[in-house]
Amino acid sequence: MTRSLVAVALTLFFATACRTSDARDAAPPARIRVRTAPVVLAALDEPAIGAGVVASHDEFPLAFKIGGVVAAVYVREGDVVRAGQTLAQLDLREIDAQVTRARSAVAKAERDHARVQALHADSLAPLAQLQDAATALELARADLQTASVNRRYATVVAPSAGRVLRRAAEPGQTLAAGAPVLTIGGSTGGTVLRVGLPDRDIVRVRVGSPATVRLDAFPDRVLTGRVQQIAGAATAGSGTYAVEIALDDATGLSVGMIGSTTIAATGRGSLPTVPVDALLEADGDRASVFVVSGGRARRRAVRVATIQGDRVAVREGLAGDTSVVVTGATYLDDGAAVTVLP
């Protein structure tokens, strides 16, 4: 009898405990207090951003007009050169022989023409023979002119003062006609950053647009400049448009340094903007925010267009939303009950 009473008591106890637990589990969750800020539509002046290399505005790739064996290259990369300075030369023995042969051919053609002209004057040579002799003389003179030009361009001369950027040939090397020998950077055009911009940005950039530049070699140095040249056609292969930014101060810079630039550009229309404090889990241009709908928090995945001061322009993810959570968002889960504070 005693055991039965104990069993009944225990059963009642556990039943009561379960009802109490169920009642507690069924109690509505506490609402999280949040504050919101309005989504504001604003005109967007998003800058154009690109990466490129430091270069001379005036770069001259130099080559021999004809092929041959390189006899000498008189300068090395980094050397300063003056206008008209001889920089490289082909072996001239074969070329000089061609010039000599062409001169001899002209002398013979002149003698032949004079002889036939005298015979024609005495009616001993027909007109056709005289005309053939005149034509032969013209061809011989043209051959001499060609050989002389080739002789002239068997030597590479600096077109202007500057610095040797690249040396692509060595003495004893056999080069084809037009093969690069040296590249000279002119000293008068200044130093630029050459970048490639996609078509969606090139239409928003103008000659004269201000730009800031950062170089990997000098991470703490901010350079300023302006767009001075924009390509009229896309570069084959990359599909980007070449843009040159003239640097205001190129002290200590070397051609080939890698850098990035931010160029002031015209706007892309209007986009919704939210306070920076509303962003969560930012990764590149992707982030998330919370909005309030029906008394509950709803997570929205968004794509960031740009940051302007203390606000963020959002490219995607906020269609139709009028406010976002700015205080208390870190405590929220998707679907959490919230109370919006005034």
Protein backbone atom coordinates (compact mmCIF):
# COMPACT_ATOMS: atom_id res chain seq x y z
CA MET A 1 0.00 0.00 0.00
CA THR A 2 2.83 2.33 0.86
CA ARG A 3 4.60 1.49 -2.38
CA SER A 4 1.47 2.33 -4.38
CA LEU A 5 1.12 5.73 -2.75
CA VAL A 6 4.76 6.51 -3.48
CA ALA A 7 4.32 5.55 -7.16
CA VAL A 8 1.23 7.70 -7.50
CA ALA A 9 3.01 10.66 -5.90
CA LEU A 10 5.97 10.32 -8.22
CA THR A 11 3.68 10.12 -11.25
CA LEU A 12 1.87 13.28 -10.23
CA PHE A 13 5.18 15.05 -9.61
CA PHE A 14 6.59 14.24 -13.05
CA ALA A 15 3.34 15.14 -14.78
CA THR A 16 3.30 18.49 -13.05
CA ALA A 17 6.95 19.09 -13.93
CA CYS A 18 6.31 18.25 -17.60
CA ARG A 19 3.32 20.60 -17.76
CA THR A 20 5.44 23.36 -16.20
CA SER A 21 8.26 22.71 -18.72
CA ASP A 22 5.84 22.66 -21.65
CA ALA A 23 4.29 25.89 -20.46
CA ARG A 24 7.71 27.52 -20.20
CA ASP A 25 8.73 26.29 -23.68
CA ALA A 26 5.50 27.53 -25.14
CA ALA A 27 5.98 31.04 -23.70
CA PRO A 28 6.54 33.64 -26.43
CA PRO A 29 10.23 34.62 -26.89
CA ALA A 30 11.41 37.99 -25.62
CA ARG A 31 11.45 40.66 -28.30
CA ILE A 32 14.81 42.22 -29.16
CA ARG A 33 14.86 46.00 -29.14
CA VAL A 34 16.32 47.57 -32.25
CA ARG A 35 16.60 50.93 -33.90
CA THR A 36 16.25 51.49 -37.62
CA ALA A 37 17.35 54.12 -40.13
CA PRO A 38 15.70 54.97 -43.42
CA VAL A 39 16.97 53.78 -46.78
CA VAL A 40 17.77 56.97 -48.71
CA LEU A 41 17.91 57.14 -52.50
CA ALA A 42 20.95 59.20 -53.51
CA ALA A 43 22.80 60.16 -56.66
CA LEU A 44 25.90 58.00 -56.94
CA ASP A 45 29.27 59.41 -57.96
CA GLU A 46 31.11 56.10 -57.94
CA PRO A 47 34.81 56.40 -58.83
CA ALA A 48 36.47 54.27 -61.49
CA ILE A 49 39.09 51.94 -60.03
CA GLY A 50 41.89 50.24 -61.97
CA ALA A 51 45.37 48.77 -61.72
CA GLY A 52 48.35 49.41 -63.95
CA VAL A 53 52.05 50.13 -64.26
CA VAL A 54 54.25 53.20 -64.13
CA ALA A 55 55.55 54.20 -67.58
CA SER A 56 56.98 57.10 -69.53
CA HIS A 57 54.40 59.01 -71.53
CA ASP A 58 56.76 58.98 -74.53
CA GLU A 59 58.12 55.49 -75.18
CA PHE A 60 60.01 54.74 -78.39
CA PRO A 61 60.59 51.12 -79.39
CA LEU A 62 63.63 51.22 -81.69
CA ALA A 63 64.61 48.67 -84.34
CA PHE A 64 66.77 48.24 -87.44
CA LYS A 65 64.97 48.66 -90.76
CA ILE A 66 66.71 45.60 -92.22
CA GLY A 67 67.85 42.31 -90.76
CA GLY A 68 71.43 41.50 -89.98
CA VAL A 69 74.03 40.72 -87.35
CA VAL A 70 74.25 43.14 -84.42
CA ALA A 71 77.74 44.61 -84.24
CA ALA A 72 77.35 46.73 -81.11
CA VAL A 73 74.82 47.99 -78.55
CA TYR A 74 76.31 51.00 -76.83
CA VAL A 75 73.86 51.52 -73.94
CA ARG A 76 72.28 49.49 -71.17
CA GLU A 77 68.97 49.66 -69.31
CA GLY A 78 68.80 52.74 -67.12
CA ASP A 79 71.34 54.75 -69.11
CA VAL A 80 70.47 58.38 -69.87
CA VAL A 81 70.77 59.25 -73.58
CA ARG A 82 70.72 62.48 -75.57
CA ALA A 83 68.88 63.18 -78.81
CA GLY A 84 70.83 61.97 -81.86
CA GLN A 85 73.12 59.67 -79.86
CA THR A 86 74.10 56.42 -81.62
CA LEU A 87 72.73 53.52 -79.58
CA ALA A 88 73.28 50.37 -81.64
CA GLN A 89 74.65 49.28 -85.01
CA LEU A 90 74.54 46.32 -87.39
CA ASP A 91 77.59 44.74 -88.99
CA LEU A 92 78.02 47.09 -91.97
CA ARG A 93 80.26 45.00 -94.21
CA GLU A 94 77.48 43.40 -96.22
CA ILE A 95 75.42 46.60 -96.27
CA ASP A 96 78.38 48.71 -97.43
CA ALA A 97 79.05 46.17 -100.19
CA GLN A 98 75.45 46.59 -101.40
CA VAL A 99 75.87 50.38 -101.48
CA THR A 100 79.14 50.05 -103.43
CA ARG A 101 77.52 47.69 -105.93
CA ALA A 102 74.58 50.08 -106.38
CA ARG A 103 76.93 53.03 -107.02
CA SER A 104 78.85 51.03 -109.60
CA ALA A 105 75.59 50.10 -111.30
CA VAL A 106 74.61 53.77 -111.49
CA ALA A 107 77.98 54.71 -113.00
CA LYS A 108 77.65 51.99 -115.68
CA ALA A 109 74.04 53.00 -116.43
CA GLU A 110 75.12 56.64 -116.85
CA ARG A 111 77.86 55.63 -119.33
CA ASP A 112 75.47 53.40 -121.25
CA HIS A 113 72.87 56.12 -121.44
CA ALA A 114 75.40 58.71 -122.63
CA ARG A 115 76.71 56.36 -125.34
CA VAL A 116 73.23 55.43 -126.65
CA GLN A 117 72.20 59.09 -126.54
CA ALA A 118 75.19 60.00 -128.78
CA LEU A 119 74.42 57.18 -131.18
CA HIS A 120 70.78 58.20 -131.35
CA ALA A 121 71.84 61.78 -132.14
CA ASP A 122 73.81 60.42 -135.13
CA SER A 123 70.83 58.27 -136.14
CA LEU A 124 72.81 55.13 -135.33
CA ALA A 125 70.58 53.91 -132.45
CA PRO A 126 66.79 53.72 -132.47
CA LEU A 127 64.62 55.68 -130.03
CA ALA A 128 63.58 52.50 -128.22
CA GLN A 129 67.22 51.73 -127.35
CA LEU A 130 67.66 55.21 -125.93
CA GLN A 131 64.50 54.86 -123.87
CA ASP A 132 65.69 51.50 -122.51
CA ALA A 133 68.99 53.05 -121.48
CA ALA A 134 67.17 55.89 -119.69
CA THR A 135 64.98 53.40 -117.85
CA ALA A 136 68.00 51.34 -116.79
CA LEU A 137 69.61 54.50 -115.41
CA GLU A 138 66.48 55.35 -113.37
CA LEU A 139 66.36 51.82 -111.90
CA ALA A 140 70.04 51.92 -110.98
CA ARG A 141 69.59 55.24 -109.20
CA ALA A 142 66.55 53.89 -107.31
CA ASP A 143 68.56 50.84 -106.20
CA LEU A 144 71.32 53.14 -104.93
CA GLN A 145 68.79 55.20 -102.98
CA THR A 146 67.35 52.02 -101.40
CA ALA A 147 70.80 50.75 -100.42
CA SER A 148 71.70 54.16 -98.97
CA VAL A 149 68.52 54.27 -96.85
CA ASN A 150 69.18 50.75 -95.58
CA ARG A 151 72.73 51.82 -94.71
CA ARG A 152 71.38 54.80 -92.81
CA TYR A 153 68.90 52.71 -90.79
CA ALA A 154 71.47 50.04 -89.95
CA THR A 155 72.28 52.34 -87.04
CA VAL A 156 69.84 53.06 -84.18
CA VAL A 157 69.83 56.69 -83.06
CA ALA A 158 68.01 58.17 -80.05
CA PRO A 159 65.01 60.18 -81.31
CA SER A 160 65.00 62.36 -78.19
CA ALA A 161 66.62 62.73 -74.82
CA GLY A 162 65.51 60.12 -72.29
CA ARG A 163 66.40 56.90 -70.55
CA VAL A 164 66.84 53.33 -71.79
CA LEU A 165 63.90 51.29 -70.52
CA ARG A 166 64.57 47.93 -72.15
CA ARG A 167 67.47 46.33 -74.06
CA ALA A 168 66.37 43.42 -76.25
CA ALA A 169 69.46 42.60 -78.35
CA GLU A 170 73.12 41.78 -77.82
CA PRO A 171 76.22 41.96 -80.08
CA GLY A 172 76.52 38.94 -82.38
CA GLN A 173 72.78 38.32 -82.37
CA THR A 174 71.07 37.97 -85.76
CA LEU A 175 67.90 40.03 -85.98
CA ALA A 176 65.07 40.11 -88.47
CA ALA A 177 63.96 43.41 -89.93
CA GLY A 178 61.90 45.39 -87.40
CA ALA A 179 62.88 43.24 -84.40
CA PRO A 180 63.10 45.41 -81.25
CA VAL A 181 66.54 46.42 -80.07
CA LEU A 182 65.92 49.10 -77.44
CA THR A 183 63.01 50.97 -75.87
CA ILE A 184 63.63 54.58 -74.88
CA GLY A 185 61.49 56.58 -72.47
CA GLY A 186 61.41 60.26 -73.39
CA SER A 187 62.16 62.78 -70.67
CA THR A 188 59.83 65.52 -71.90
CA GLY A 189 56.42 63.80 -71.66
CA GLY A 190 56.57 63.04 -67.94
CA THR A 191 55.72 59.89 -65.99
CA VAL A 192 52.30 58.26 -66.14
CA LEU A 193 50.36 55.35 -64.71
CA ARG A 194 48.89 53.24 -67.51
CA VAL A 195 45.71 51.41 -66.53
CA GLY A 196 43.00 49.48 -68.33
CA LEU A 197 39.34 50.32 -67.64
CA PRO A 198 36.25 48.35 -68.74
CA ASP A 199 33.68 49.94 -71.01
CA ARG A 200 31.25 50.56 -68.13
CA ASP A 201 33.84 52.87 -66.55
CA ILE A 202 35.47 54.41 -69.61
CA VAL A 203 32.22 56.22 -70.50
CA ARG A 204 32.29 57.96 -67.10
CA VAL A 205 35.91 59.18 -67.21
CA ARG A 206 37.06 62.36 -68.93
CA VAL A 207 40.43 63.85 -69.85
CA GLY A 208 41.34 66.05 -66.90
CA SER A 209 39.52 63.92 -64.29
CA PRO A 210 41.49 63.97 -61.01
CA ALA A 211 42.93 60.70 -59.73
CA THR A 212 44.82 59.31 -56.76
CA VAL A 213 47.45 56.60 -57.14
CA ARG A 214 48.98 54.11 -54.71
CA LEU A 215 52.02 52.00 -55.58
CA ASP A 216 52.90 48.60 -54.13
CA ALA A 217 56.49 49.80 -53.66
CA PHE A 218 55.37 52.80 -51.55
CA PRO A 219 52.19 51.68 -49.71
CA ASP A 220 52.13 54.73 -47.43
CA ARG A 221 52.51 57.26 -50.23
CA VAL A 222 49.50 58.73 -52.02
CA LEU A 223 50.21 60.28 -55.42
CA THR A 224 47.94 62.65 -57.29
CA GLY A 225 47.43 63.15 -60.99
CA ARG A 226 44.96 63.69 -63.80
CA VAL A 227 43.76 61.68 -66.76
CA GLN A 228 45.67 62.96 -69.81
CA GLN A 229 44.88 60.35 -72.45
CA ILE A 230 42.05 57.88 -73.15
CA ALA A 231 42.26 55.25 -75.87
CA GLY A 232 39.66 55.47 -78.61
CA ALA A 233 39.38 51.69 -78.98
CA ALA A 234 39.59 48.66 -76.70
CA THR A 235 42.85 46.72 -76.41
CA ALA A 236 42.73 43.45 -78.32
CA GLY A 237 42.54 40.46 -75.99
CA SER A 238 41.74 42.22 -72.71
CA GLY A 239 38.82 44.28 -74.02
CA THR A 240 39.78 47.16 -71.73
CA TYR A 241 40.53 50.75 -72.70
CA ALA A 242 44.01 52.14 -72.02
CA VAL A 243 44.03 55.26 -69.84
CA GLU A 244 47.10 57.34 -68.96
CA ILE A 245 47.22 59.26 -65.68
CA ALA A 246 49.89 61.98 -65.59
CA LEU A 247 51.51 61.96 -62.14
CA ASP A 248 52.14 65.28 -60.43
CA ASP A 249 55.23 64.02 -58.59
CA ALA A 250 57.20 61.04 -59.92
CA THR A 251 60.19 61.44 -57.62
CA GLY A 252 61.75 58.06 -56.85
CA LEU A 253 59.50 56.11 -59.23
CA SER A 254 60.78 53.57 -61.74
CA VAL A 255 59.15 52.38 -64.93
CA GLY A 256 57.35 49.08 -64.37
CA MET A 257 56.20 49.66 -60.78
CA ILE A 258 52.73 48.28 -60.08
CA GLY A 259 50.00 50.57 -58.76
CA SER A 260 46.27 51.13 -58.43
CA THR A 261 44.24 54.25 -59.04
CA THR A 262 40.92 55.78 -58.07
CA ILE A 263 39.60 58.18 -60.72
CA ALA A 264 36.80 60.66 -60.12
CA ALA A 265 33.97 59.79 -62.50
CA THR A 266 30.46 60.89 -63.34
CA GLY A 267 27.59 59.17 -61.53
CA ARG A 268 25.80 55.94 -62.38
CA GLY A 269 22.36 57.28 -61.51
CA SER A 270 20.68 56.83 -58.10
CA LEU A 271 21.06 53.92 -55.68
CA PRO A 272 19.67 53.22 -52.21
CA THR A 273 22.07 54.11 -49.40
CA VAL A 274 22.19 52.92 -45.78
CA PRO A 275 24.40 53.80 -42.79
CA VAL A 276 27.67 51.89 -42.54
CA ASP A 277 26.53 50.59 -39.12
CA ALA A 278 23.82 48.55 -40.82
CA LEU A 279 26.27 46.24 -42.60
CA LEU A 280 27.02 42.79 -41.26
CA GLU A 281 29.34 40.02 -42.46
CA ALA A 282 30.99 42.20 -45.11
CA ASP A 283 33.17 40.28 -47.57
CA GLY A 284 34.38 42.26 -50.58
CA ASP A 285 31.30 43.82 -52.15
CA ARG A 286 28.95 41.37 -50.42
CA ALA A 287 27.32 41.90 -47.02
CA SER A 288 24.01 41.52 -45.23
CA VAL A 289 21.58 43.80 -43.40
CA PHE A 290 18.42 43.29 -41.37
CA VAL A 291 15.09 44.89 -42.17
CA VAL A 292 11.89 44.73 -40.09
CA SER A 293 8.74 43.26 -41.58
CA GLY A 294 5.65 42.33 -39.57
CA GLY A 295 7.44 42.73 -36.24
CA ARG A 296 10.22 40.34 -37.21
CA ALA A 297 13.78 40.78 -38.44
CA ARG A 298 14.50 39.65 -41.97
CA ARG A 299 18.02 39.19 -43.26
CA ARG A 300 18.82 40.67 -46.67
CA ALA A 301 21.92 39.75 -48.67
CA VAL A 302 23.17 42.89 -50.43
CA ARG A 303 25.92 43.94 -52.82
CA VAL A 304 27.81 47.13 -52.03
CA ALA A 305 28.47 49.60 -54.85
CA THR A 306 30.61 52.10 -52.96
CA ILE A 307 31.14 53.78 -49.58
CA GLN A 308 30.53 57.51 -49.40
CA GLY A 309 31.41 58.94 -46.01
CA ASP A 310 29.27 57.22 -43.36
CA ARG A 311 26.82 55.75 -45.85
CA VAL A 312 26.97 52.78 -48.19
CA ALA A 313 25.42 52.66 -51.66
CA VAL A 314 23.77 49.28 -52.27
CA ARG A 315 23.65 47.87 -55.80
CA GLU A 316 21.42 44.85 -55.09
CA GLY A 317 19.26 43.43 -52.30
CA LEU A 318 17.09 46.29 -51.00
CA ALA A 319 14.30 46.47 -53.54
CA GLY A 320 11.18 47.80 -51.79
CA ASP A 321 12.75 48.08 -48.32
CA THR A 322 12.45 51.48 -46.66
CA SER A 323 14.53 51.04 -43.48
CA VAL A 324 17.32 48.89 -42.05
CA VAL A 325 18.36 47.93 -38.51
CA VAL A 326 21.33 49.97 -37.25
CA THR A 327 21.26 49.18 -33.51
CA GLY A 328 20.89 45.65 -32.18
CA ALA A 329 21.52 43.91 -35.50
CA THR A 330 24.34 41.79 -34.08
CA TYR A 331 21.86 40.04 -31.73
CA LEU A 332 19.39 39.13 -34.46
CA ASP A 333 18.65 35.92 -36.30
CA ASP A 334 16.50 35.73 -39.37
CA GLY A 335 12.86 35.77 -38.19
CA ALA A 336 13.60 37.04 -34.67
CA ALA A 337 10.81 39.02 -32.99
CA VAL A 338 11.78 42.66 -32.56
CA THR A 339 10.54 45.88 -31.08
CA VAL A 340 11.50 49.01 -32.98
CA LEU A 341 12.55 51.81 -30.64
CA PRO A 342 11.66 55.36 -31.59
